[in-house]
């Protein structure tokens, strides 16, 4: 059994067994600003200080809009980043978290799933975030096939 398969079974066990309180999923896309190396929220600002691209600038603009309470504009900014670069992970994480924070769980869940299964299929944290959202949303039964 590969490393990834072991983690998938562990996450599946979490979903089935229900470890209450074990999944602190933050709804806010604005985190402490730490980068774990795989493109977590605000990772670009810390990973590439002084560097800029249109996507980085637009992502930062979305973060500033979110902080200013301009949720619709922030969502548009994050979506524009993804229109330009569908694989831009920090903006996808932030859009997913924004959607979840607005009660749009299915949309946010779709982005977390895309990150875990398409963009970062071997990244344990991506699967953990997706699994935690599934667990906290009671949608695990609908998605068990992902880890089986």
Protein backbone atom coordinates (compact mmCIF):
# COMPACT_ATOMS: atom_id res chain seq x y z
CA UNK A 1 0.00 0.00 0.00
CA UNK A 2 1.47 3.36 -1.03
CA UNK A 3 1.91 6.37 1.21
CA UNK A 4 -1.01 8.15 -0.43
CA UNK A 5 -3.27 5.09 -0.14
CA UNK A 6 -2.51 4.85 3.58
CA UNK A 7 -3.45 8.49 4.08
CA UNK A 8 -6.61 8.06 2.06
CA UNK A 9 -7.66 5.16 4.29
CA UNK A 10 -6.83 7.22 7.37
CA UNK A 11 -8.96 10.09 6.10
CA UNK A 12 -11.76 7.68 5.21
CA UNK A 13 -11.58 6.34 8.76
CA UNK A 14 -11.90 9.88 10.05
CA UNK A 15 -14.98 10.40 7.89
CA UNK A 16 -16.63 7.15 8.91
CA UNK A 17 -15.52 7.12 12.54
CA UNK A 18 -16.30 10.76 13.13
CA UNK A 19 -13.57 12.20 15.31
CA UNK A 20 -15.55 15.15 16.62
CA UNK A 21 -13.52 18.32 16.84
CA UNK A 22 -10.58 16.84 14.94
CA UNK A 23 -11.20 18.93 11.85
CA UNK A 24 -10.87 22.63 12.49
CA UNK A 25 -11.76 23.91 9.01
CA UNK A 26 -11.50 27.67 8.91
CA UNK A 27 -14.10 29.27 6.73
CA UNK A 28 -12.16 32.49 6.27
CA UNK A 29 -9.77 32.60 3.35
CA UNK A 30 -7.71 35.12 5.25
CA UNK A 31 -5.34 33.10 7.40
CA UNK A 32 -2.35 33.97 9.52
CA UNK A 33 -0.35 34.28 6.33
CA UNK A 34 1.88 31.30 6.86
CA UNK A 35 2.85 29.18 3.90
CA UNK A 36 3.17 25.44 4.20
CA UNK A 37 4.93 25.13 0.87
CA UNK A 38 2.00 23.82 -1.15
CA UNK A 39 0.13 27.02 -1.84
CA UNK A 40 -2.03 27.47 1.23
CA UNK A 41 -3.89 30.70 1.86
CA UNK A 42 -1.74 33.76 1.44
CA UNK A 43 1.24 31.58 0.62
CA UNK A 44 2.10 33.62 -2.45
CA UNK A 45 2.65 36.79 -0.49
CA UNK A 46 5.15 35.03 1.75
CA UNK A 47 6.73 32.72 -0.79
CA UNK A 48 7.42 35.35 -3.44
CA UNK A 49 8.15 38.63 -1.67
CA UNK A 50 8.69 41.42 -4.14
CA UNK A 51 7.71 39.29 -7.15
CA UNK A 52 4.58 39.98 -9.07
CA UNK A 53 2.48 38.59 -11.90
CA UNK A 54 -1.05 39.55 -12.92
CA UNK A 55 -2.36 36.52 -11.01
CA UNK A 56 -0.44 37.36 -7.83
CA UNK A 57 -1.58 40.98 -8.00
CA UNK A 58 -5.20 40.01 -8.58
CA UNK A 59 -5.06 37.42 -5.78
CA UNK A 60 -3.65 40.01 -3.38
CA UNK A 61 -6.38 42.42 -4.48
CA UNK A 62 -8.99 39.77 -3.68
CA UNK A 63 -7.49 39.30 -0.23
CA UNK A 64 -7.57 43.05 0.41
CA UNK A 65 -11.17 43.20 -0.80
CA UNK A 66 -12.12 40.37 1.50
CA UNK A 67 -10.47 42.07 4.46
CA UNK A 68 -12.37 45.26 3.61
CA UNK A 69 -15.65 43.35 3.67
CA UNK A 70 -16.11 43.51 -0.10
CA UNK A 71 -16.98 39.84 -0.43
CA UNK A 72 -18.52 39.96 -3.93
CA UNK A 73 -15.52 41.83 -5.33
CA UNK A 74 -13.12 39.41 -3.63
CA UNK A 75 -14.96 36.47 -5.15
CA UNK A 76 -14.76 38.08 -8.59
CA UNK A 77 -11.03 38.66 -8.15
CA UNK A 78 -10.38 35.06 -7.10
CA UNK A 79 -12.50 33.78 -10.00
CA UNK A 80 -10.62 36.00 -12.46
CA UNK A 81 -7.31 34.59 -11.23
CA UNK A 82 -8.63 31.08 -11.83
CA UNK A 83 -9.94 32.04 -15.26
CA UNK A 84 -6.41 33.13 -16.15
CA UNK A 85 -4.71 30.19 -14.40
CA UNK A 86 -6.94 27.33 -13.25
CA UNK A 87 -4.04 25.75 -11.36
CA UNK A 88 -3.30 28.75 -9.16
CA UNK A 89 -3.75 26.97 -5.84
CA UNK A 90 -3.74 29.89 -3.34
CA UNK A 91 -6.60 31.63 -5.14
CA UNK A 92 -8.54 28.36 -5.42
CA UNK A 93 -8.14 27.70 -1.68
CA UNK A 94 -9.23 31.24 -0.89
CA UNK A 95 -12.23 31.09 -3.22
CA UNK A 96 -13.25 27.76 -1.69
CA UNK A 97 -13.00 29.12 1.83
CA UNK A 98 -14.87 32.30 0.88
CA UNK A 99 -17.70 30.25 -0.62
CA UNK A 100 -17.92 28.04 2.47
CA UNK A 101 -17.95 31.10 4.72
CA UNK A 102 -20.91 32.42 2.70
CA UNK A 103 -22.85 29.18 3.17
CA UNK A 104 -22.26 28.01 -0.40
CA UNK A 105 -20.98 24.64 0.72
CA UNK A 106 -21.43 22.69 -2.52
CA UNK A 107 -19.44 25.25 -4.50
CA UNK A 108 -16.67 25.43 -1.91
CA UNK A 109 -16.55 21.66 -1.62
CA UNK A 110 -16.11 21.36 -5.39
CA UNK A 111 -13.00 23.57 -5.22
CA UNK A 112 -11.52 21.65 -2.28
CA UNK A 113 -12.17 18.40 -4.19
CA UNK A 114 -10.50 19.80 -7.32
CA UNK A 115 -7.44 20.78 -5.31
CA UNK A 116 -7.18 17.42 -3.54
CA UNK A 117 -7.83 15.19 -6.54
CA UNK A 118 -6.53 17.15 -9.52
CA UNK A 119 -3.99 19.75 -8.42
CA UNK A 120 -2.38 18.11 -5.39
CA UNK A 121 -3.31 14.41 -5.53
CA UNK A 122 -0.36 13.31 -3.39
CA UNK A 123 -0.59 16.12 -0.85
CA UNK A 124 -1.88 14.94 2.51
CA UNK A 125 -2.94 18.40 3.66
CA UNK A 126 -5.08 18.94 0.56
CA UNK A 127 -6.89 15.64 1.23
CA UNK A 128 -7.18 16.50 4.92
CA UNK A 129 -8.81 19.88 4.18
CA UNK A 130 -11.23 18.24 1.79
CA UNK A 131 -12.03 15.45 4.25
CA UNK A 132 -12.55 17.89 7.11
CA UNK A 133 -15.01 19.91 5.08
CA UNK A 134 -16.82 16.74 4.11
CA UNK A 135 -16.94 15.65 7.74
CA UNK A 136 -18.19 18.97 9.05
CA UNK A 137 -20.77 19.19 6.27
CA UNK A 138 -22.26 15.73 6.75
CA UNK A 139 -21.63 15.11 3.06
CA UNK A 140 -19.18 12.26 3.60
CA UNK A 141 -21.59 9.52 2.51
CA UNK A 142 -21.96 11.13 -0.90
CA UNK A 143 -18.18 11.24 -1.43
CA UNK A 144 -16.87 7.96 0.01
CA UNK A 145 -15.93 6.74 -3.46
CA UNK A 146 -13.15 9.35 -3.58
CA UNK A 147 -11.01 7.38 -1.11
CA UNK A 148 -12.12 3.84 -1.89
